[in-house]
N, C-alpha and C. Protein backbone atom coordinates (compact mmCIF):
# COMPACT_ATOMS: atom_id res chain seq x y z
N UNK A 1 0.83 -1.17 0.03
CA UNK A 1 -0.02 0.02 -0.02
C UNK A 1 0.96 1.19 -0.02
N UNK A 2 0.53 2.20 -0.86
CA UNK A 2 1.22 3.41 -0.86
C UNK A 2 0.23 4.67 -0.59
N UNK A 3 0.60 5.50 0.22
CA UNK A 3 -0.18 6.65 0.52
C UNK A 3 0.61 7.92 0.36
N UNK A 4 0.08 8.83 -0.23
CA UNK A 4 0.67 10.21 -0.27
C UNK A 4 -0.19 11.01 0.76
N UNK A 5 0.46 11.51 1.81
CA UNK A 5 -0.34 12.28 2.82
C UNK A 5 0.04 13.77 2.67
N UNK A 6 -0.97 14.49 2.43
CA UNK A 6 -0.78 16.03 2.39
C UNK A 6 -1.64 16.65 3.51
N UNK A 7 -0.92 17.41 4.39
CA UNK A 7 -1.59 18.04 5.44
C UNK A 7 -2.27 19.34 4.87
N UNK A 8 -3.62 19.44 5.16
CA UNK A 8 -4.30 20.46 4.37
C UNK A 8 -5.09 21.43 5.39
N UNK A 9 -5.30 22.65 4.88
CA UNK A 9 -6.24 23.48 5.57
C UNK A 9 -7.72 23.20 5.05
N UNK A 10 -7.74 22.71 3.82
CA UNK A 10 -9.06 22.28 3.21
C UNK A 10 -8.70 21.46 1.98
N UNK A 11 -9.62 20.63 1.63
CA UNK A 11 -9.47 19.81 0.26
C UNK A 11 -10.87 19.51 -0.11
N UNK A 12 -10.98 19.24 -1.41
CA UNK A 12 -12.24 18.75 -2.00
C UNK A 12 -12.04 18.01 -3.30
N UNK A 13 -13.06 17.14 -3.57
CA UNK A 13 -13.02 16.42 -4.85
C UNK A 13 -14.32 16.76 -5.51
N UNK A 14 -14.14 16.96 -6.82
CA UNK A 14 -15.28 17.24 -7.59
C UNK A 14 -15.34 16.33 -8.75
N UNK A 15 -16.58 15.89 -9.24
CA UNK A 15 -16.67 15.14 -10.42
C UNK A 15 -17.79 15.86 -11.25
N UNK A 16 -17.31 16.23 -12.54
CA UNK A 16 -18.41 16.99 -13.39
C UNK A 16 -18.96 18.09 -12.64
N UNK A 17 -18.15 18.86 -11.98
CA UNK A 17 -18.60 20.12 -11.35
C UNK A 17 -19.29 19.86 -10.04
N UNK A 18 -19.59 18.71 -9.57
CA UNK A 18 -20.21 18.39 -8.27
C UNK A 18 -19.30 17.92 -7.35
N UNK A 19 -19.28 18.57 -6.05
CA UNK A 19 -18.48 18.21 -5.08
C UNK A 19 -18.98 16.86 -4.35
N UNK A 20 -18.14 15.89 -4.32
CA UNK A 20 -18.39 14.58 -3.84
C UNK A 20 -17.81 14.28 -2.42
N UNK A 21 -16.76 15.09 -2.19
CA UNK A 21 -16.07 14.96 -0.87
C UNK A 21 -15.31 16.27 -0.52
N UNK A 22 -15.43 16.69 0.73
CA UNK A 22 -14.77 17.91 1.19
C UNK A 22 -14.44 17.75 2.62
N UNK A 23 -13.25 18.31 2.93
CA UNK A 23 -12.80 18.41 4.32
C UNK A 23 -12.23 19.80 4.70
N UNK A 24 -12.28 20.10 5.94
CA UNK A 24 -11.48 21.25 6.40
C UNK A 24 -10.09 20.88 6.75
N UNK A 25 -9.70 21.23 7.95
CA UNK A 25 -8.37 20.99 8.47
C UNK A 25 -8.13 19.40 8.59
N UNK A 26 -7.14 18.87 8.09
CA UNK A 26 -6.82 17.46 8.16
C UNK A 26 -5.81 16.98 7.11
N UNK A 27 -5.96 15.82 6.68
CA UNK A 27 -5.03 15.18 5.68
C UNK A 27 -5.82 14.68 4.59
N UNK A 28 -5.31 15.03 3.34
CA UNK A 28 -5.71 14.47 2.05
C UNK A 28 -4.85 13.17 1.92
N UNK A 29 -5.40 12.05 1.61
CA UNK A 29 -4.66 10.78 1.44
C UNK A 29 -4.94 10.33 0.09
N UNK A 30 -3.90 10.24 -0.76
CA UNK A 30 -3.90 9.53 -2.05
C UNK A 30 -3.56 8.14 -1.88
N UNK A 31 -4.39 7.22 -2.25
CA UNK A 31 -4.24 5.78 -1.79
C UNK A 31 -4.03 4.93 -3.00
N UNK A 32 -3.02 4.05 -3.00
CA UNK A 32 -2.83 3.08 -3.97
C UNK A 32 -2.68 1.77 -3.20
N UNK A 33 -3.49 0.62 -3.71
CA UNK A 33 -3.48 -0.62 -3.13
C UNK A 33 -2.70 -1.64 -4.03
N UNK A 34 -1.88 -2.51 -3.46
CA UNK A 34 -1.29 -3.53 -4.29
C UNK A 34 -1.99 -4.80 -4.07
N UNK A 35 -1.89 -5.70 -5.05
CA UNK A 35 -2.73 -6.83 -5.06
C UNK A 35 -2.33 -7.77 -3.79
N UNK A 36 -1.28 -7.63 -3.16
CA UNK A 36 -0.90 -8.42 -1.99
C UNK A 36 -1.33 -7.77 -0.66
N UNK A 37 -1.83 -6.57 -0.69
CA UNK A 37 -2.27 -5.90 0.55
C UNK A 37 -3.41 -6.65 1.21
N UNK A 38 -3.24 -6.89 2.54
CA UNK A 38 -4.19 -7.60 3.31
C UNK A 38 -4.71 -6.70 4.44
N UNK A 39 -5.60 -7.21 5.25
CA UNK A 39 -6.22 -6.44 6.40
C UNK A 39 -5.12 -5.86 7.32
N UNK A 40 -4.07 -6.61 7.54
CA UNK A 40 -2.96 -6.17 8.42
C UNK A 40 -2.30 -4.88 7.92
N UNK A 41 -2.11 -4.95 6.49
CA UNK A 41 -1.57 -3.65 5.88
C UNK A 41 -2.45 -2.49 6.06
N UNK A 42 -3.76 -2.72 5.87
CA UNK A 42 -4.77 -1.63 6.02
C UNK A 42 -4.73 -1.11 7.44
N UNK A 43 -4.75 -2.00 8.45
CA UNK A 43 -4.75 -1.65 9.77
C UNK A 43 -3.52 -0.79 10.19
N UNK A 44 -2.38 -1.27 9.72
CA UNK A 44 -1.04 -0.60 9.94
C UNK A 44 -1.14 0.84 9.43
N UNK A 45 -1.57 1.01 8.25
CA UNK A 45 -1.58 2.23 7.51
C UNK A 45 -2.66 3.22 8.21
N UNK A 46 -3.74 2.70 8.56
CA UNK A 46 -4.84 3.44 9.28
C UNK A 46 -4.25 4.07 10.59
N UNK A 47 -3.53 3.18 11.35
CA UNK A 47 -2.87 3.57 12.66
C UNK A 47 -1.81 4.66 12.29
N UNK A 48 -0.99 4.42 11.27
CA UNK A 48 0.09 5.28 11.03
C UNK A 48 -0.44 6.69 10.66
N UNK A 49 -1.26 6.85 9.65
CA UNK A 49 -1.81 8.08 9.29
C UNK A 49 -2.57 8.80 10.40
N UNK A 50 -3.25 8.09 11.23
CA UNK A 50 -4.07 8.66 12.45
C UNK A 50 -3.15 9.24 13.46
N UNK A 51 -1.88 8.58 13.68
CA UNK A 51 -1.10 8.99 14.72
C UNK A 51 0.29 9.65 14.36
N UNK A 52 0.51 9.90 13.12
CA UNK A 52 1.61 10.40 12.57
C UNK A 52 1.77 11.93 12.99
N UNK A 53 2.86 12.28 13.69
CA UNK A 53 2.99 13.54 14.32
C UNK A 53 3.51 14.66 13.31
N UNK A 54 2.59 15.11 12.51
CA UNK A 54 2.90 16.09 11.49
C UNK A 54 2.18 17.37 11.61
N UNK A 55 1.40 17.57 12.69
CA UNK A 55 0.71 18.81 12.93
C UNK A 55 1.41 19.69 13.97
N UNK A 56 1.30 20.97 13.76
CA UNK A 56 2.07 21.98 14.62
C UNK A 56 1.49 21.93 16.06
N UNK A 57 2.41 22.02 16.98
CA UNK A 57 2.08 22.19 18.38
C UNK A 57 1.99 23.77 18.73
N UNK A 58 1.84 24.07 20.02
CA UNK A 58 1.80 25.44 20.42
C UNK A 58 3.11 26.21 20.15
N UNK A 59 4.19 25.51 19.99
CA UNK A 59 5.50 26.12 19.60
C UNK A 59 5.74 26.11 18.15
N UNK A 60 4.86 25.68 17.29
CA UNK A 60 5.10 25.54 15.95
C UNK A 60 5.78 24.46 15.39
N UNK A 61 6.12 23.47 16.29
CA UNK A 61 6.86 22.21 15.83
C UNK A 61 5.93 21.19 15.36
N UNK A 62 6.30 20.33 14.46
CA UNK A 62 5.45 19.23 13.99
C UNK A 62 5.57 18.14 14.91
N UNK A 63 4.68 18.22 15.97
CA UNK A 63 4.82 17.37 17.14
C UNK A 63 3.41 16.81 17.58
N UNK A 64 2.43 17.02 16.83
CA UNK A 64 1.10 16.54 17.24
C UNK A 64 0.49 15.75 16.06
N UNK A 65 -0.34 14.76 16.47
CA UNK A 65 -0.96 14.00 15.39
C UNK A 65 -2.37 14.52 15.22
N UNK A 66 -2.99 14.10 14.05
CA UNK A 66 -4.43 14.39 13.78
C UNK A 66 -5.19 13.83 15.00
N UNK A 67 -4.99 12.58 15.42
CA UNK A 67 -5.65 12.11 16.59
C UNK A 67 -5.57 13.02 17.78
N UNK A 68 -4.46 13.61 18.02
CA UNK A 68 -4.34 14.54 19.09
C UNK A 68 -5.19 15.76 19.06
N UNK A 69 -5.26 16.31 17.79
CA UNK A 69 -5.88 17.63 17.81
C UNK A 69 -7.27 17.62 17.02
N UNK A 70 -7.60 16.55 16.56
CA UNK A 70 -8.84 16.46 15.71
C UNK A 70 -8.65 16.90 14.33
N UNK A 71 -9.53 16.51 13.39
CA UNK A 71 -9.27 16.91 12.05
C UNK A 71 -9.96 15.83 11.17
N UNK A 72 -9.90 15.94 9.87
CA UNK A 72 -10.63 15.07 8.97
C UNK A 72 -9.64 14.44 7.87
N UNK A 73 -10.16 13.40 7.27
CA UNK A 73 -9.53 12.73 6.29
C UNK A 73 -10.27 12.79 4.93
N UNK A 74 -9.56 13.05 3.84
CA UNK A 74 -10.19 12.86 2.50
C UNK A 74 -9.41 11.77 1.78
N UNK A 75 -10.03 10.67 1.55
CA UNK A 75 -9.42 9.44 1.01
C UNK A 75 -9.73 9.47 -0.47
N UNK A 76 -8.62 9.45 -1.30
CA UNK A 76 -8.84 9.40 -2.81
C UNK A 76 -8.02 8.27 -3.31
N UNK A 77 -8.67 7.34 -3.96
CA UNK A 77 -7.94 6.23 -4.59
C UNK A 77 -7.10 6.75 -5.78
N UNK A 78 -5.83 6.24 -5.90
CA UNK A 78 -5.02 6.74 -6.99
C UNK A 78 -4.03 5.55 -7.25
N UNK A 79 -4.45 4.67 -8.26
CA UNK A 79 -3.57 3.62 -8.62
C UNK A 79 -2.30 3.97 -9.27
N UNK A 80 -2.24 5.17 -9.77
CA UNK A 80 -1.01 5.66 -10.53
C UNK A 80 0.15 5.79 -9.64
N UNK A 81 -0.04 5.79 -8.20
CA UNK A 81 1.09 5.85 -7.38
C UNK A 81 1.95 4.61 -7.54
N UNK A 82 1.45 3.49 -8.02
CA UNK A 82 2.26 2.35 -8.37
C UNK A 82 2.91 2.39 -9.84
N UNK A 83 2.75 3.50 -10.58
CA UNK A 83 3.30 3.68 -11.81
C UNK A 83 4.84 3.49 -11.87
N UNK A 84 5.28 2.61 -12.61
CA UNK A 84 6.71 2.29 -12.83
C UNK A 84 7.17 2.93 -14.03
N UNK A 85 8.03 3.96 -13.98
CA UNK A 85 8.43 4.76 -15.14
C UNK A 85 9.93 4.39 -15.53
N UNK A 86 10.36 3.38 -15.09
CA UNK A 86 11.86 3.06 -15.38
C UNK A 86 12.10 2.72 -16.71
N UNK A 87 11.06 2.04 -17.43
CA UNK A 87 11.45 1.68 -18.87
C UNK A 87 10.43 2.39 -19.73
N UNK A 88 10.90 2.73 -20.85
CA UNK A 88 9.95 3.29 -21.93
C UNK A 88 9.40 4.67 -21.44
N UNK A 89 8.21 5.02 -22.16
CA UNK A 89 7.68 6.29 -21.93
C UNK A 89 6.18 6.16 -21.34
N UNK A 90 5.77 4.91 -21.26
CA UNK A 90 4.44 4.74 -20.74
C UNK A 90 4.52 3.97 -19.38
N UNK A 91 4.16 4.47 -18.28
CA UNK A 91 4.25 3.81 -16.96
C UNK A 91 3.53 2.47 -16.95
N UNK A 92 4.05 1.51 -16.23
CA UNK A 92 3.57 0.17 -16.10
C UNK A 92 2.81 0.22 -14.65
N UNK A 93 1.65 -0.29 -14.61
CA UNK A 93 0.88 -0.33 -13.37
C UNK A 93 0.64 -1.77 -12.78
N UNK A 94 1.47 -2.65 -13.13
CA UNK A 94 1.27 -4.10 -12.74
C UNK A 94 1.34 -4.27 -11.27
N UNK A 95 1.97 -3.41 -10.47
CA UNK A 95 1.92 -3.55 -9.08
C UNK A 95 0.67 -3.17 -8.44
N UNK A 96 -0.19 -2.28 -9.05
CA UNK A 96 -1.46 -1.94 -8.60
C UNK A 96 -2.37 -3.11 -8.57
N UNK A 97 -3.35 -3.20 -7.49
CA UNK A 97 -4.26 -4.17 -7.49
C UNK A 97 -5.29 -3.96 -8.55
N UNK A 98 -5.89 -5.01 -9.15
CA UNK A 98 -6.98 -4.75 -10.12
C UNK A 98 -8.23 -4.03 -9.29
N UNK A 99 -9.01 -3.38 -10.12
CA UNK A 99 -10.10 -2.68 -9.51
C UNK A 99 -11.01 -3.41 -8.66
N UNK A 100 -11.29 -4.73 -8.98
CA UNK A 100 -12.20 -5.50 -8.19
C UNK A 100 -11.53 -5.89 -6.86
N UNK A 101 -10.30 -5.71 -6.67
CA UNK A 101 -9.46 -5.94 -5.46
C UNK A 101 -9.31 -4.57 -4.74
N UNK A 102 -8.91 -3.60 -5.53
CA UNK A 102 -8.57 -2.38 -4.81
C UNK A 102 -9.74 -1.60 -4.28
N UNK A 103 -10.79 -1.60 -5.02
CA UNK A 103 -11.98 -0.76 -4.51
C UNK A 103 -12.54 -1.17 -3.10
N UNK A 104 -12.68 -2.40 -2.85
CA UNK A 104 -13.20 -2.75 -1.50
C UNK A 104 -12.10 -2.50 -0.49
N UNK A 105 -10.84 -2.58 -0.78
CA UNK A 105 -9.70 -2.28 0.16
C UNK A 105 -9.53 -0.85 0.45
N UNK A 106 -9.80 -0.01 -0.50
CA UNK A 106 -9.82 1.42 -0.21
C UNK A 106 -11.05 1.78 0.64
N UNK A 107 -12.03 1.19 0.32
CA UNK A 107 -13.26 1.42 1.15
C UNK A 107 -13.11 0.97 2.57
N UNK A 108 -12.49 -0.12 2.75
CA UNK A 108 -12.12 -0.74 4.05
C UNK A 108 -11.10 0.26 4.86
N UNK A 109 -10.15 0.68 4.16
CA UNK A 109 -9.16 1.70 4.71
C UNK A 109 -9.91 2.84 5.26
N UNK A 110 -10.88 3.44 4.41
CA UNK A 110 -11.54 4.60 4.93
C UNK A 110 -12.49 4.29 6.23
N UNK A 111 -12.96 3.02 6.16
CA UNK A 111 -13.81 2.59 7.26
C UNK A 111 -13.05 2.46 8.59
N UNK A 112 -11.78 1.97 8.42
CA UNK A 112 -10.91 1.83 9.57
C UNK A 112 -10.59 3.27 10.11
N UNK A 113 -10.47 4.27 9.30
CA UNK A 113 -10.24 5.54 9.89
C UNK A 113 -11.48 6.07 10.60
N UNK A 114 -12.70 5.64 10.05
CA UNK A 114 -13.91 6.15 10.73
C UNK A 114 -14.03 5.42 12.10
N UNK A 115 -13.65 4.13 12.05
CA UNK A 115 -13.69 3.41 13.34
C UNK A 115 -12.80 3.94 14.40
N UNK A 116 -11.86 4.71 14.00
CA UNK A 116 -10.82 5.39 15.01
C UNK A 116 -11.40 6.83 15.39
N UNK A 117 -12.65 7.08 14.89
CA UNK A 117 -13.29 8.35 15.36
C UNK A 117 -13.20 9.53 14.50
N UNK A 118 -12.65 9.32 13.28
CA UNK A 118 -12.47 10.46 12.37
C UNK A 118 -13.59 10.58 11.42
N UNK A 119 -13.83 11.88 11.01
CA UNK A 119 -14.75 12.13 9.90
C UNK A 119 -13.87 11.90 8.63
N UNK A 120 -14.38 11.09 7.71
CA UNK A 120 -13.74 10.72 6.48
C UNK A 120 -14.64 10.96 5.28
N UNK A 121 -14.17 11.84 4.45
CA UNK A 121 -14.76 12.02 3.14
C UNK A 121 -14.03 11.19 2.04
N UNK A 122 -14.63 10.84 0.93
CA UNK A 122 -14.02 10.04 -0.04
C UNK A 122 -14.21 10.56 -1.43
N UNK A 123 -13.34 10.30 -2.31
CA UNK A 123 -13.56 10.46 -3.77
C UNK A 123 -14.45 9.22 -4.23
N UNK A 124 -14.54 9.10 -5.53
CA UNK A 124 -15.30 8.01 -6.16
C UNK A 124 -14.33 7.17 -6.94
N UNK A 125 -14.17 5.82 -6.49
CA UNK A 125 -13.35 4.95 -7.05
C UNK A 125 -13.51 4.87 -8.62
N UNK A 126 -12.46 5.00 -9.33
CA UNK A 126 -12.50 4.84 -10.79
C UNK A 126 -12.90 6.04 -11.57
N UNK A 127 -13.42 7.06 -10.88
CA UNK A 127 -14.00 8.18 -11.64
C UNK A 127 -12.81 9.22 -11.95
N UNK A 128 -13.07 10.02 -13.01
CA UNK A 128 -12.19 11.13 -13.31
C UNK A 128 -12.54 12.20 -12.32
N UNK A 129 -11.62 12.61 -11.42
CA UNK A 129 -11.88 13.44 -10.34
C UNK A 129 -10.96 14.72 -10.42
N UNK A 130 -11.41 15.82 -9.99
CA UNK A 130 -10.68 16.95 -9.84
C UNK A 130 -10.41 17.16 -8.27
N UNK A 131 -9.13 17.16 -7.85
CA UNK A 131 -8.81 17.29 -6.40
C UNK A 131 -8.21 18.64 -6.28
N UNK A 132 -8.83 19.32 -5.32
CA UNK A 132 -8.43 20.63 -4.95
C UNK A 132 -7.97 20.65 -3.53
N UNK A 133 -6.82 21.27 -3.15
CA UNK A 133 -6.30 21.31 -1.80
C UNK A 133 -5.48 22.54 -1.50
N UNK A 134 -5.45 22.91 -0.29
CA UNK A 134 -4.59 23.94 0.33
C UNK A 134 -3.68 23.13 1.18
N UNK A 135 -2.40 22.94 0.72
CA UNK A 135 -1.38 22.18 1.52
C UNK A 135 -1.01 23.14 2.66
N UNK A 136 -1.02 22.67 3.83
CA UNK A 136 -0.70 23.47 5.00
C UNK A 136 0.74 23.09 5.49
N UNK A 137 1.57 24.08 5.39
CA UNK A 137 3.00 23.83 5.98
C UNK A 137 4.04 24.36 4.95
N UNK A 138 4.22 23.59 3.79
CA UNK A 138 3.50 22.51 3.30
C UNK A 138 4.06 21.21 3.88
N UNK A 139 3.17 20.30 4.12
CA UNK A 139 3.65 18.99 4.69
C UNK A 139 3.05 17.97 3.76
N UNK A 140 3.94 17.12 3.07
CA UNK A 140 3.61 16.01 2.11
C UNK A 140 4.56 14.92 2.42
N UNK A 141 3.98 13.68 2.69
CA UNK A 141 4.78 12.54 3.01
C UNK A 141 4.34 11.40 2.17
N UNK A 142 5.26 10.44 1.91
CA UNK A 142 5.02 9.27 1.17
C UNK A 142 5.23 8.11 2.12
N UNK A 143 4.07 7.39 2.43
CA UNK A 143 4.13 6.12 3.26
C UNK A 143 3.96 4.84 2.46
N UNK A 144 4.58 3.81 2.82
CA UNK A 144 4.43 2.57 2.14
C UNK A 144 4.55 1.44 3.16
N UNK A 145 3.74 0.38 2.85
CA UNK A 145 3.73 -0.87 3.64
C UNK A 145 3.45 -1.95 2.71
N UNK A 146 4.35 -2.97 2.74
CA UNK A 146 4.01 -4.19 2.08
C UNK A 146 3.50 -5.32 2.93
N UNK A 147 2.72 -6.15 2.39
CA UNK A 147 2.12 -7.34 3.16
C UNK A 147 3.34 -8.19 3.51
N UNK A 148 3.10 -8.93 4.62
CA UNK A 148 4.22 -9.90 5.11
C UNK A 148 4.94 -9.38 6.08
């Protein structure tokens, strides 16, 4: 599983001009699922993003987690995070899980965040989306976890 986490003041996803997901202060998560990702990987990633200390404390240091201070998540599936550009001019996506595997796992990941008490907005799996965000900090991190 690969996740690009962007700490945001606000973020939204629109499809054909209609907003389908919106958050205020929190984390935008661009999520790619590998075919081998299992429940343990999803649980690990949910715990990691919920408790990662990338929010500013009273002294301005990145020392607080979203769990510490409250906030929301916007989860957007993005299989292209597994794009391999080492050969040729067209990326290979063979590491990405096929849609019938990835869609329920992305949904489960969002559900795990909700189970941890967070408000979670989502994009629409497989749709052509426009993602708008105000990166706060800026803070952008790439997280990865493999099954096993």
